[in-house]
Amino acid sequence: MVNPKNSIALLLLVGMVSGLNAGTMKSDAVYAKMCSLCHGKQGQGNPNVPDAPALNSQSKEDLVIKLSDIKGKNFDNAHAKMENNQKIIEMRGMKYNVHEMAEYIHKNFNKEK
């Protein structure tokens, strides 16, 4: 017979471990889950979402600046649509490093490499 106290302790432990991993998603996972619908699977943009520019032609430095603005909530007209998306990313516990995300996008999608 299973001891109910052990079952509760196991559930709590699993919940704690899951919570620790929630904020450690890699850039590729965050991009695939949250960014690719609008910016394209290869950073090429999406003609059905005109406010989501292609990322595959931007320099790594420009990507860092834009991602820093978005993450820092410095929304200008060009980034205003991202405010809601950044809130969703944060609510889901998907923390990402701006430099790692820029490196991922540039290394994997930049068409001038």
PDB file of N, CA and C in Angstrom:
ATOM      1  N   MET A   1       0.842  -1.184   0.000  1.00  0.00           N
ATOM      2  CA  MET A   1       0.000   0.000   0.000  1.00  0.00           C
ATOM      3  C   MET A   1       0.888   1.249   0.000  1.00  0.00           C
ATOM      4  N   VAL A   2       0.485   2.246  -0.756  1.00  0.00           N
ATOM      5  CA  VAL A   2       1.248   3.488  -0.884  1.00  0.00           C
ATOM      6  C   VAL A   2       0.928   4.395   0.288  1.00  0.00           C
ATOM      7  N   ASN A   3       1.966   4.919   0.888  1.00  0.00           N
ATOM      8  CA  ASN A   3       1.816   5.836   2.003  1.00  0.00           C
ATOM      9  C   ASN A   3       1.438   7.218   1.445  1.00  0.00           C
ATOM     10  N   PRO A   4       0.267   7.787   1.848  1.00  0.00           N
ATOM     11  CA  PRO A   4      -0.169   9.090   1.331  1.00  0.00           C
ATOM     12  C   PRO A   4       0.834  10.200   1.608  1.00  0.00           C
ATOM     13  N   LYS A   5       1.539  10.130   2.733  1.00  0.00           N
ATOM     14  CA  LYS A   5       2.527  11.171   3.051  1.00  0.00           C
ATOM     15  C   LYS A   5       3.672  11.140   2.049  1.00  0.00           C
ATOM     16  N   ASN A   6       4.096   9.945   1.652  1.00  0.00           N
ATOM     17  CA  ASN A   6       5.169   9.836   0.661  1.00  0.00           C
ATOM     18  C   ASN A   6       4.715  10.357  -0.700  1.00  0.00           C
ATOM     19  N   SER A   7       3.467  10.092  -1.037  1.00  0.00           N
ATOM     20  CA  SER A   7       2.931  10.559  -2.321  1.00  0.00           C
ATOM     21  C   SER A   7       2.898  12.074  -2.375  1.00  0.00           C
ATOM     22  N   ILE A   8       2.485  12.695  -1.288  1.00  0.00           N
ATOM     23  CA  ILE A   8       2.432  14.156  -1.234  1.00  0.00           C
ATOM     24  C   ILE A   8       3.841  14.738  -1.318  1.00  0.00           C
ATOM     25  N   ALA A   9       4.781  14.130  -0.604  1.00  0.00           N
ATOM     26  CA  ALA A   9       6.163  14.611  -0.645  1.00  0.00           C
ATOM     27  C   ALA A   9       6.732  14.489  -2.056  1.00  0.00           C
ATOM     28  N   LEU A  10       6.433  13.394  -2.738  1.00  0.00           N
ATOM     29  CA  LEU A  10       6.910  13.208  -4.103  1.00  0.00           C
ATOM     30  C   LEU A  10       6.304  14.259  -5.037  1.00  0.00           C
ATOM     31  N   LEU A  11       5.027  14.534  -4.905  1.00  0.00           N
ATOM     32  CA  LEU A  11       4.381  15.554  -5.734  1.00  0.00           C
ATOM     33  C   LEU A  11       4.995  16.933  -5.506  1.00  0.00           C
ATOM     34  N   LEU A  12       5.272  17.257  -4.254  1.00  0.00           N
ATOM     35  CA  LEU A  12       5.890  18.544  -3.942  1.00  0.00           C
ATOM     36  C   LEU A  12       7.286  18.638  -4.547  1.00  0.00           C
ATOM     37  N   LEU A  13       8.050  17.556  -4.462  1.00  0.00           N
ATOM     38  CA  LEU A  13       9.397  17.542  -5.013  1.00  0.00           C
ATOM     39  C   LEU A  13       9.361  17.718  -6.534  1.00  0.00           C
ATOM     40  N   VAL A  14       8.482  17.008  -7.196  1.00  0.00           N
ATOM     41  CA  VAL A  14       8.345  17.133  -8.651  1.00  0.00           C
ATOM     42  C   VAL A  14       7.948  18.555  -9.017  1.00  0.00           C
ATOM     43  N   GLY A  15       7.034  19.139  -8.276  1.00  0.00           N
ATOM     44  CA  GLY A  15       6.606  20.513  -8.532  1.00  0.00           C
ATOM     45  C   GLY A  15       7.747  21.501  -8.363  1.00  0.00           C
ATOM     46  N   MET A  16       8.577  21.307  -7.351  1.00  0.00           N
ATOM     47  CA  MET A  16       9.704  22.200  -7.120  1.00  0.00           C
ATOM     48  C   MET A  16      10.719  22.089  -8.245  1.00  0.00           C
ATOM     49  N   VAL A  17      11.024  20.873  -8.662  1.00  0.00           N
ATOM     50  CA  VAL A  17      11.996  20.677  -9.734  1.00  0.00           C
ATOM     51  C   VAL A  17      11.460  21.268 -11.038  1.00  0.00           C
ATOM     52  N   SER A  18      10.179  21.061 -11.318  1.00  0.00           N
ATOM     53  CA  SER A  18       9.576  21.632 -12.523  1.00  0.00           C
ATOM     54  C   SER A  18       9.651  23.151 -12.485  1.00  0.00           C
ATOM     55  N   GLY A  19       9.417  23.735 -11.352  1.00  0.00           N
ATOM     56  CA  GLY A  19       9.482  25.188 -11.204  1.00  0.00           C
ATOM     57  C   GLY A  19      10.882  25.717 -11.447  1.00  0.00           C
ATOM     58  N   LEU A  20      11.890  24.964 -11.036  1.00  0.00           N
ATOM     59  CA  LEU A  20      13.260  25.389 -11.266  1.00  0.00           C
ATOM     60  C   LEU A  20      13.590  25.401 -12.756  1.00  0.00           C
ATOM     61  N   ASN A  21      13.063  24.454 -13.472  1.00  0.00           N
ATOM     62  CA  ASN A  21      13.357  24.360 -14.896  1.00  0.00           C
ATOM     63  C   ASN A  21      12.531  25.322 -15.743  1.00  0.00           C
ATOM     64  N   ALA A  22      11.457  25.853 -15.202  1.00  0.00           N
ATOM     65  CA  ALA A  22      10.555  26.698 -15.984  1.00  0.00           C
ATOM     66  C   ALA A  22      11.245  27.941 -16.526  1.00  0.00           C
ATOM     67  N   GLY A  23      12.183  28.488 -15.797  1.00  0.00           N
ATOM     68  CA  GLY A  23      12.821  29.718 -16.219  1.00  0.00           C
ATOM     69  C   GLY A  23      14.122  29.530 -16.968  1.00  0.00           C
ATOM     70  N   THR A  24      14.438  28.311 -17.347  1.00  0.00           N
ATOM     71  CA  THR A  24      15.737  28.065 -17.954  1.00  0.00           C
ATOM     72  C   THR A  24      15.633  27.572 -19.392  1.00  0.00           C
ATOM     73  N   MET A  25      14.618  27.980 -20.107  1.00  0.00           N
ATOM     74  CA  MET A  25      14.469  27.543 -21.492  1.00  0.00           C
ATOM     75  C   MET A  25      15.575  28.131 -22.349  1.00  0.00           C
ATOM     76  N   LYS A  26      16.055  27.346 -23.278  1.00  0.00           N
ATOM     77  CA  LYS A  26      17.083  27.812 -24.198  1.00  0.00           C
ATOM     78  C   LYS A  26      16.446  28.679 -25.277  1.00  0.00           C
ATOM     79  N   SER A  27      17.271  29.476 -25.901  1.00  0.00           N
ATOM     80  CA  SER A  27      16.791  30.413 -26.912  1.00  0.00           C
ATOM     81  C   SER A  27      16.041  29.720 -28.032  1.00  0.00           C
ATOM     82  N   ASP A  28      16.519  28.548 -28.464  1.00  0.00           N
ATOM     83  CA  ASP A  28      15.842  27.866 -29.568  1.00  0.00           C
ATOM     84  C   ASP A  28      14.431  27.454 -29.186  1.00  0.00           C
ATOM     85  N   ALA A  29      14.238  27.029 -27.936  1.00  0.00           N
ATOM     86  CA  ALA A  29      12.904  26.625 -27.487  1.00  0.00           C
ATOM     87  C   ALA A  29      11.974  27.826 -27.363  1.00  0.00           C
ATOM     88  N   VAL A  30      12.476  28.926 -26.821  1.00  0.00           N
ATOM     89  CA  VAL A  30      11.655  30.137 -26.702  1.00  0.00           C
ATOM     90  C   VAL A  30      11.302  30.648 -28.100  1.00  0.00           C
ATOM     91  N   TYR A  31      12.277  30.676 -28.995  1.00  0.00           N
ATOM     92  CA  TYR A  31      12.007  31.155 -30.355  1.00  0.00           C
ATOM     93  C   TYR A  31      10.948  30.283 -31.023  1.00  0.00           C
ATOM     94  N   ALA A  32      11.126  28.975 -30.957  1.00  0.00           N
ATOM     95  CA  ALA A  32      10.186  28.062 -31.615  1.00  0.00           C
ATOM     96  C   ALA A  32       8.781  28.201 -31.050  1.00  0.00           C
ATOM     97  N   LYS A  33       8.692  28.364 -29.753  1.00  0.00           N
ATOM     98  CA  LYS A  33       7.379  28.402 -29.095  1.00  0.00           C
ATOM     99  C   LYS A  33       6.710  29.770 -29.180  1.00  0.00           C
ATOM    100  N   MET A  34       7.491  30.838 -29.112  1.00  0.00           N
ATOM    101  CA  MET A  34       6.890  32.169 -28.977  1.00  0.00           C
ATOM    102  C   MET A  34       7.148  33.129 -30.146  1.00  0.00           C
ATOM    103  N   CYS A  35       8.228  32.960 -30.867  1.00  0.00           N
ATOM    104  CA  CYS A  35       8.622  33.966 -31.856  1.00  0.00           C
ATOM    105  C   CYS A  35       8.343  33.551 -33.298  1.00  0.00           C
ATOM    106  N   SER A  36       8.432  32.256 -33.553  1.00  0.00           N
ATOM    107  CA  SER A  36       8.399  31.775 -34.940  1.00  0.00           C
ATOM    108  C   SER A  36       7.067  32.009 -35.646  1.00  0.00           C
ATOM    109  N   LEU A  37       5.969  32.052 -34.921  1.00  0.00           N
ATOM    110  CA  LEU A  37       4.676  32.273 -35.573  1.00  0.00           C
ATOM    111  C   LEU A  37       4.632  33.604 -36.312  1.00  0.00           C
ATOM    112  N   CYS A  38       5.222  34.609 -35.730  1.00  0.00           N
ATOM    113  CA  CYS A  38       5.198  35.936 -36.359  1.00  0.00           C
ATOM    114  C   CYS A  38       6.467  36.215 -37.170  1.00  0.00           C
ATOM    115  N   HIS A  39       7.615  35.817 -36.661  1.00  0.00           N
ATOM    116  CA  HIS A  39       8.881  36.141 -37.310  1.00  0.00           C
ATOM    117  C   HIS A  39       9.358  35.046 -38.260  1.00  0.00           C
ATOM    118  N   GLY A  40       8.638  33.930 -38.327  1.00  0.00           N
ATOM    119  CA  GLY A  40       8.983  32.851 -39.237  1.00  0.00           C
ATOM    120  C   GLY A  40       9.912  31.831 -38.618  1.00  0.00           C
ATOM    121  N   LYS A  41       9.791  30.599 -39.074  1.00  0.00           N
ATOM    122  CA  LYS A  41      10.609  29.514 -38.523  1.00  0.00           C
ATOM    123  C   LYS A  41      12.093  29.716 -38.785  1.00  0.00           C
ATOM    124  N   GLN A  42      12.427  30.442 -39.837  1.00  0.00           N
ATOM    125  CA  GLN A  42      13.825  30.733 -40.162  1.00  0.00           C
ATOM    126  C   GLN A  42      14.129  32.230 -40.043  1.00  0.00           C
ATOM    127  N   GLY A  43      13.285  32.949 -39.293  1.00  0.00           N
ATOM    128  CA  GLY A  43      13.497  34.385 -39.111  1.00  0.00           C
ATOM    129  C   GLY A  43      13.199  35.204 -40.349  1.00  0.00           C
ATOM    130  N   GLN A  44      12.492  34.625 -41.298  1.00  0.00           N
ATOM    131  CA  GLN A  44      12.229  35.279 -42.578  1.00  0.00           C
ATOM    132  C   GLN A  44      11.044  36.231 -42.540  1.00  0.00           C
ATOM    133  N   GLY A  45      10.348  36.313 -41.407  1.00  0.00           N
ATOM    134  CA  GLY A  45       9.157  37.150 -41.317  1.00  0.00           C
ATOM    135  C   GLY A  45       7.938  36.377 -41.767  1.00  0.00           C
ATOM    136  N   ASN A  46       6.796  37.009 -41.673  1.00  0.00           N
ATOM    137  CA  ASN A  46       5.542  36.360 -42.040  1.00  0.00           C
ATOM    138  C   ASN A  46       4.691  37.402 -42.760  1.00  0.00           C
ATOM    139  N   PRO A  47       4.389  37.182 -44.038  1.00  0.00           N
ATOM    140  CA  PRO A  47       3.609  38.177 -44.776  1.00  0.00           C
ATOM    141  C   PRO A  47       2.218  38.409 -44.202  1.00  0.00           C
ATOM    142  N   ASN A  48       1.713  37.474 -43.410  1.00  0.00           N
ATOM    143  CA  ASN A  48       0.402  37.633 -42.784  1.00  0.00           C
ATOM    144  C   ASN A  48       0.459  38.469 -41.506  1.00  0.00           C
ATOM    145  N   VAL A  49       1.680  38.778 -41.060  1.00  0.00           N
ATOM    146  CA  VAL A  49       1.874  39.597 -39.854  1.00  0.00           C
ATOM    147  C   VAL A  49       2.819  40.736 -40.240  1.00  0.00           C
ATOM    148  N   PRO A  50       2.287  41.801 -40.826  1.00  0.00           N
ATOM    149  CA  PRO A  50       3.150  42.861 -41.364  1.00  0.00           C
ATOM    150  C   PRO A  50       3.984  43.604 -40.317  1.00  0.00           C
ATOM    151  N   ASP A  51       3.560  43.579 -39.065  1.00  0.00           N
ATOM    152  CA  ASP A  51       4.317  44.275 -38.016  1.00  0.00           C
ATOM    153  C   ASP A  51       5.439  43.422 -37.435  1.00  0.00           C
ATOM    154  N   ALA A  52       5.622  42.207 -37.950  1.00  0.00           N
ATOM    155  CA  ALA A  52       6.678  41.321 -37.457  1.00  0.00           C
ATOM    156  C   ALA A  52       7.761  41.229 -38.528  1.00  0.00           C
ATOM    157  N   PRO A  53       8.812  42.004 -38.379  1.00  0.00           N
ATOM    158  CA  PRO A  53       9.836  42.044 -39.423  1.00  0.00           C
ATOM    159  C   PRO A  53      10.654  40.751 -39.507  1.00  0.00           C
ATOM    160  N   ALA A  54      11.260  40.564 -40.663  1.00  0.00           N
ATOM    161  CA  ALA A  54      12.214  39.473 -40.814  1.00  0.00           C
ATOM    162  C   ALA A  54      13.403  39.759 -39.899  1.00  0.00           C
ATOM    163  N   LEU A  55      13.920  38.724 -39.289  1.00  0.00           N
ATOM    164  CA  LEU A  55      15.070  38.875 -38.399  1.00  0.00           C
ATOM    165  C   LEU A  55      16.345  38.357 -39.053  1.00  0.00           C
ATOM    166  N   ASN A  56      16.209  37.651 -40.155  1.00  0.00           N
ATOM    167  CA  ASN A  56      17.351  36.979 -40.764  1.00  0.00           C
ATOM    168  C   ASN A  56      18.286  37.890 -41.547  1.00  0.00           C
ATOM    169  N   SER A  57      17.990  39.163 -41.586  1.00  0.00           N
ATOM    170  CA  SER A  57      18.879  40.106 -42.263  1.00  0.00           C
ATOM    171  C   SER A  57      19.458  41.135 -41.287  1.00  0.00           C
ATOM    172  N   GLN A  58      19.169  40.979 -40.010  1.00  0.00           N
ATOM    173  CA  GLN A  58      19.622  41.941 -39.014  1.00  0.00           C
ATOM    174  C   GLN A  58      20.940  41.492 -38.389  1.00  0.00           C
ATOM    175  N   SER A  59      21.775  42.450 -38.089  1.00  0.00           N
ATOM    176  CA  SER A  59      23.054  42.128 -37.448  1.00  0.00           C
ATOM    177  C   SER A  59      22.804  41.661 -36.019  1.00  0.00           C
ATOM    178  N   LYS A  60      23.772  40.954 -35.489  1.00  0.00           N
ATOM    179  CA  LYS A  60      23.652  40.486 -34.104  1.00  0.00           C
ATOM    180  C   LYS A  60      23.541  41.680 -33.153  1.00  0.00           C
ATOM    181  N   GLU A  61      24.274  42.743 -33.441  1.00  0.00           N
ATOM    182  CA  GLU A  61      24.246  43.934 -32.592  1.00  0.00           C
ATOM    183  C   GLU A  61      22.860  44.579 -32.595  1.00  0.00           C
ATOM    184  N   ASP A  62      22.246  44.671 -33.786  1.00  0.00           N
ATOM    185  CA  ASP A  62      20.893  45.228 -33.867  1.00  0.00           C
ATOM    186  C   ASP A  62      19.890  44.351 -33.121  1.00  0.00           C
ATOM    187  N   LEU A  63      20.053  43.043 -33.237  1.00  0.00           N
ATOM    188  CA  LEU A  63      19.157  42.134 -32.516  1.00  0.00           C
ATOM    189  C   LEU A  63      19.290  42.322 -31.007  1.00  0.00           C
ATOM    190  N   VAL A  64      20.513  42.470 -30.520  1.00  0.00           N
ATOM    191  CA  VAL A  64      20.732  42.694 -29.079  1.00  0.00           C
ATOM    192  C   VAL A  64      20.030  43.971 -28.633  1.00  0.00           C
ATOM    193  N   ILE A  65      20.192  45.041 -29.403  1.00  0.00           N
ATOM    194  CA  ILE A  65      19.563  46.323 -29.039  1.00  0.00           C
ATOM    195  C   ILE A  65      18.048  46.187 -29.010  1.00  0.00           C
ATOM    196  N   LYS A  66      17.477  45.588 -30.052  1.00  0.00           N
ATOM    197  CA  LYS A  66      16.014  45.472 -30.125  1.00  0.00           C
ATOM    198  C   LYS A  66      15.469  44.553 -29.043  1.00  0.00           C
ATOM    199  N   LEU A  67      16.142  43.427 -28.809  1.00  0.00           N
ATOM    200  CA  LEU A  67      15.691  42.513 -27.751  1.00  0.00           C
ATOM    201  C   LEU A  67      15.829  43.156 -26.376  1.00  0.00           C
ATOM    202  N   SER A  68      16.888  43.936 -26.182  1.00  0.00           N
ATOM    203  CA  SER A  68      17.066  44.637 -24.899  1.00  0.00           C
ATOM    204  C   SER A  68      15.959  45.655 -24.685  1.00  0.00           C
ATOM    205  N   ASP A  69      15.609  46.381 -25.737  1.00  0.00           N
ATOM    206  CA  ASP A  69      14.509  47.345 -25.644  1.00  0.00           C
ATOM    207  C   ASP A  69      13.211  46.644 -25.267  1.00  0.00           C
ATOM    208  N   ILE A  70      12.941  45.538 -25.936  1.00  0.00           N
ATOM    209  CA  ILE A  70      11.702  44.802 -25.685  1.00  0.00           C
ATOM    210  C   ILE A  70      11.692  44.231 -24.277  1.00  0.00           C
ATOM    211  N   LYS A  71      12.784  43.596 -23.888  1.00  0.00           N
ATOM    212  CA  LYS A  71      12.842  42.983 -22.564  1.00  0.00           C
ATOM    213  C   LYS A  71      12.840  44.040 -21.458  1.00  0.00           C
ATOM    214  N   GLY A  72      13.427  45.201 -21.759  1.00  0.00           N
ATOM    215  CA  GLY A  72      13.460  46.288 -20.789  1.00  0.00           C
ATOM    216  C   GLY A  72      12.204  47.124 -20.792  1.00  0.00           C
ATOM    217  N   LYS A  73      11.248  46.713 -21.646  1.00  0.00           N
ATOM    218  CA  LYS A  73       9.956  47.393 -21.756  1.00  0.00           C
ATOM    219  C   LYS A  73      10.099  48.830 -22.240  1.00  0.00           C
ATOM    220  N   ASN A  74      11.108  49.074 -23.072  1.00  0.00           N
ATOM    221  CA  ASN A  74      11.277  50.377 -23.711  1.00  0.00           C
ATOM    222  C   ASN A  74      10.621  50.310 -25.080  1.00  0.00           C
ATOM    223  N   PHE A  75       9.305  50.277 -25.091  1.00  0.00           N
ATOM    224  CA  PHE A  75       8.577  50.084 -26.331  1.00  0.00           C
ATOM    225  C   PHE A  75       8.407  51.398 -27.069  1.00  0.00           C
ATOM    226  N   ASP A  76       8.900  51.412 -28.300  1.00  0.00           N
ATOM    227  CA  ASP A  76       8.608  52.543 -29.174  1.00  0.00           C
ATOM    228  C   ASP A  76       7.554  52.062 -30.170  1.00  0.00           C
ATOM    229  N   ASN A  77       7.248  52.852 -31.143  1.00  0.00           N
ATOM    230  CA  ASN A  77       6.215  52.469 -32.111  1.00  0.00           C
ATOM    231  C   ASN A  77       6.541  51.159 -32.811  1.00  0.00           C
ATOM    232  N   ALA A  78       7.811  50.956 -33.133  1.00  0.00           N
ATOM    233  CA  ALA A  78       8.207  49.746 -33.846  1.00  0.00           C
ATOM    234  C   ALA A  78       8.064  48.496 -32.985  1.00  0.00           C
ATOM    235  N   HIS A  79       8.149  48.644 -31.683  1.00  0.00           N
ATOM    236  CA  HIS A  79       8.097  47.492 -30.787  1.00  0.00           C
ATOM    237  C   HIS A  79       6.808  47.413 -29.965  1.00  0.00           C
ATOM    238  N   ALA A  80       5.874  48.302 -30.221  1.00  0.00           N
ATOM    239  CA  ALA A  80       4.663  48.356 -29.393  1.00  0.00           C
ATOM    240  C   ALA A  80       3.903  47.035 -29.389  1.00  0.00           C
ATOM    241  N   LYS A  81       3.873  46.337 -30.512  1.00  0.00           N
ATOM    242  CA  LYS A  81       3.145  45.061 -30.591  1.00  0.00           C
ATOM    243  C   LYS A  81       3.787  43.985 -29.725  1.00  0.00           C
ATOM    244  N   MET A  82       5.066  44.149 -29.425  1.00  0.00           N
ATOM    245  CA  MET A  82       5.778  43.134 -28.653  1.00  0.00           C
ATOM    246  C   MET A  82       5.471  43.197 -27.159  1.00  0.00           C
ATOM    247  N   GLU A  83       4.877  44.268 -26.710  1.00  0.00           N
ATOM    248  CA  GLU A  83       4.588  44.415 -25.284  1.00  0.00           C
ATOM    249  C   GLU A  83       3.769  43.238 -24.773  1.00  0.00           C
ATOM    250  N   ASN A  84       2.700  42.902 -25.465  1.00  0.00           N
ATOM    251  CA  ASN A  84       1.856  41.793 -25.047  1.00  0.00           C
ATOM    252  C   ASN A  84       2.604  40.466 -25.130  1.00  0.00           C
ATOM    253  N   ASN A  85       3.370  40.276 -26.196  1.00  0.00           N
ATOM    254  CA  ASN A  85       4.123  39.032 -26.351  1.00  0.00           C
ATOM    255  C   ASN A  85       5.146  38.846 -25.237  1.00  0.00           C
ATOM    256  N   GLN A  86       5.836  39.927 -24.859  1.00  0.00           N
ATOM    257  CA  GLN A  86       6.823  39.838 -23.779  1.00  0.00           C
ATOM    258  C   GLN A  86       6.135  39.497 -22.457  1.00  0.00           C
ATOM    259  N   LYS A  87       4.954  40.046 -22.223  1.00  0.00           N
ATOM    260  CA  LYS A  87       4.201  39.714 -21.007  1.00  0.00           C
ATOM    261  C   LYS A  87       3.866  38.225 -20.972  1.00  0.00           C
ATOM    262  N   ILE A  88       3.462  37.684 -22.114  1.00  0.00           N
ATOM    263  CA  ILE A  88       3.134  36.251 -22.180  1.00  0.00           C
ATOM    264  C   ILE A  88       4.377  35.407 -21.927  1.00  0.00           C
ATOM    265  N   ILE A  89       5.485  35.780 -22.526  1.00  0.00           N
ATOM    266  CA  ILE A  89       6.745  35.056 -22.309  1.00  0.00           C
ATOM    267  C   ILE A  89       7.081  35.049 -20.820  1.00  0.00           C
ATOM    268  N   GLU A  90       6.961  36.188 -20.171  1.00  0.00           N
ATOM    269  CA  GLU A  90       7.272  36.285 -18.743  1.00  0.00           C
ATOM    270  C   GLU A  90       6.276  35.505 -17.894  1.00  0.00           C
ATOM    271  N   MET A  91       4.976  35.587 -18.242  1.00  0.00           N
ATOM    272  CA  MET A  91       3.959  34.854 -17.483  1.00  0.00           C
ATOM    273  C   MET A  91       4.192  33.352 -17.554  1.00  0.00           C
ATOM    274  N   ARG A  92       4.700  32.885 -18.668  1.00  0.00           N
ATOM    275  CA  ARG A  92       4.972  31.455 -18.839  1.00  0.00           C
ATOM    276  C   ARG A  92       6.305  31.045 -18.246  1.00  0.00           C
ATOM    277  N   GLY A  93       7.022  31.987 -17.658  1.00  0.00           N
ATOM    278  CA  GLY A  93       8.284  31.677 -17.000  1.00  0.00           C
ATOM    279  C   GLY A  93       9.422  31.372 -17.953  1.00  0.00           C
ATOM    280  N   MET A  94       9.314  31.866 -19.173  1.00  0.00           N
ATOM    281  CA  MET A  94      10.343  31.583 -20.176  1.00  0.00           C
ATOM    282  C   MET A  94      11.364  32.707 -20.204  1.00  0.00           C
ATOM    283  N   LYS A  95      12.283  32.651 -19.282  1.00  0.00           N
ATOM    284  CA  LYS A  95      13.338  33.653 -19.255  1.00  0.00           C
ATOM    285  C   LYS A  95      14.340  33.339 -20.356  1.00  0.00           C
ATOM    286  N   TYR A  96      14.859  34.385 -20.987  1.00  0.00           N
ATOM    287  CA  TYR A  96      15.899  34.198 -21.995  1.00  0.00           C
ATOM    288  C   TYR A  96      16.925  35.303 -21.858  1.00  0.00           C
ATOM    289  N   ASN A  97      18.132  34.967 -22.239  1.00  0.00           N
ATOM    290  CA  ASN A  97      19.220  35.924 -22.230  1.00  0.00           C
ATOM    291  C   ASN A  97      19.242  36.626 -23.580  1.00  0.00           C
ATOM    292  N   VAL A  98      19.237  37.944 -23.573  1.00  0.00           N
ATOM    293  CA  VAL A  98      19.175  38.742 -24.795  1.00  0.00           C
ATOM    294  C   VAL A  98      20.340  38.407 -25.733  1.00  0.00           C
ATOM    295  N   HIS A  99      21.547  38.301 -25.183  1.00  0.00           N
ATOM    296  CA  HIS A  99      22.719  38.026 -26.013  1.00  0.00           C
ATOM    297  C   HIS A  99      22.660  36.619 -26.601  1.00  0.00           C
ATOM    298  N   GLU A 100      22.201  35.657 -25.810  1.00  0.00           N
ATOM    299  CA  GLU A 100      22.084  34.283 -26.315  1.00  0.00           C
ATOM    300  C   GLU A 100      21.002  34.184 -27.395  1.00  0.00           C
ATOM    301  N   MET A 101      19.896  34.896 -27.207  1.00  0.00           N
ATOM    302  CA  MET A 101      18.824  34.880 -28.207  1.00  0.00           C
ATOM    303  C   MET A 101      19.308  35.525 -29.510  1.00  0.00           C
ATOM    304  N   ALA A 102      19.988  36.661 -29.406  1.00  0.00           N
ATOM    305  CA  ALA A 102      20.518  37.328 -30.598  1.00  0.00           C
ATOM    306  C   ALA A 102      21.522  36.424 -31.311  1.00  0.00           C
ATOM    307  N   GLU A 103      22.370  35.773 -30.560  1.00  0.00           N
ATOM    308  CA  GLU A 103      23.350  34.841 -31.135  1.00  0.00           C
ATOM    309  C   GLU A 103      22.642  33.685 -31.837  1.00  0.00           C
ATOM    310  N   TYR A 104      21.619  33.129 -31.198  1.00  0.00           N
ATOM    311  CA  TYR A 104      20.863  32.026 -31.796  1.00  0.00           C
ATOM    312  C   TYR A 104      20.224  32.450 -33.124  1.00  0.00           C
ATOM    313  N   ILE A 105      19.554  33.586 -33.123  1.00  0.00           N
ATOM    314  CA  ILE A 105      18.876  34.062 -34.335  1.00  0.00           C
ATOM    315  C   ILE A 105      19.891  34.332 -35.439  1.00  0.00           C
ATOM    316  N   HIS A 106      20.945  35.037 -35.099  1.00  0.00           N
ATOM    317  CA  HIS A 106      21.938  35.408 -36.106  1.00  0.00           C
ATOM    318  C   HIS A 106      22.667  34.179 -36.654  1.00  0.00           C
ATOM    319  N   LYS A 107      23.095  33.307 -35.781  1.00  0.00           N
ATOM    320  CA  LYS A 107      23.863  32.123 -36.198  1.00  0.00           C
ATOM    321  C   LYS A 107      23.026  31.165 -37.053  1.00  0.00           C
ATOM    322  N   ASN A 108      21.765  31.011 -36.707  1.00  0.00           N
ATOM    323  CA  ASN A 108      20.939  30.016 -37.375  1.00  0.00           C
ATOM    324  C   ASN A 108      20.133  30.538 -38.567  1.00  0.00           C
ATOM    325  N   PHE A 109      19.838  31.831 -38.582  1.00  0.00           N
ATOM    326  CA  PHE A 109      18.932  32.332 -39.604  1.00  0.00           C
ATOM    327  C   PHE A 109      19.506  33.395 -40.524  1.00  0.00           C
ATOM    328  N   ASN A 110      20.634  34.005 -40.159  1.00  0.00           N
ATOM    329  CA  ASN A 110      21.130  35.117 -40.954  1.00  0.00           C
ATOM    330  C   ASN A 110      21.481  34.652 -42.361  1.00  0.00           C
ATOM    331  N   LYS A 111      20.854  35.270 -43.346  1.00  0.00           N
ATOM    332  CA  LYS A 111      21.012  34.822 -44.732  1.00  0.00           C
ATOM    333  C   LYS A 111      22.313  35.285 -45.361  1.00  0.00           C
ATOM    334  N   GLU A 112      23.074  36.117 -44.664  1.00  0.00           N
ATOM    335  CA  GLU A 112      24.343  36.609 -45.206  1.00  0.00           C
ATOM    336  C   GLU A 112      25.551  35.867 -44.652  1.00  0.00           C
ATOM    337  N   LYS A 113      25.345  34.795 -43.924  1.00  0.00           N
ATOM    338  CA  LYS A 113      26.486  34.094 -43.333  1.00  0.00           C
ATOM    339  C   LYS A 113      27.238  33.245 -44.315  1.00  0.00           C
TER     340      LYS A 113
END
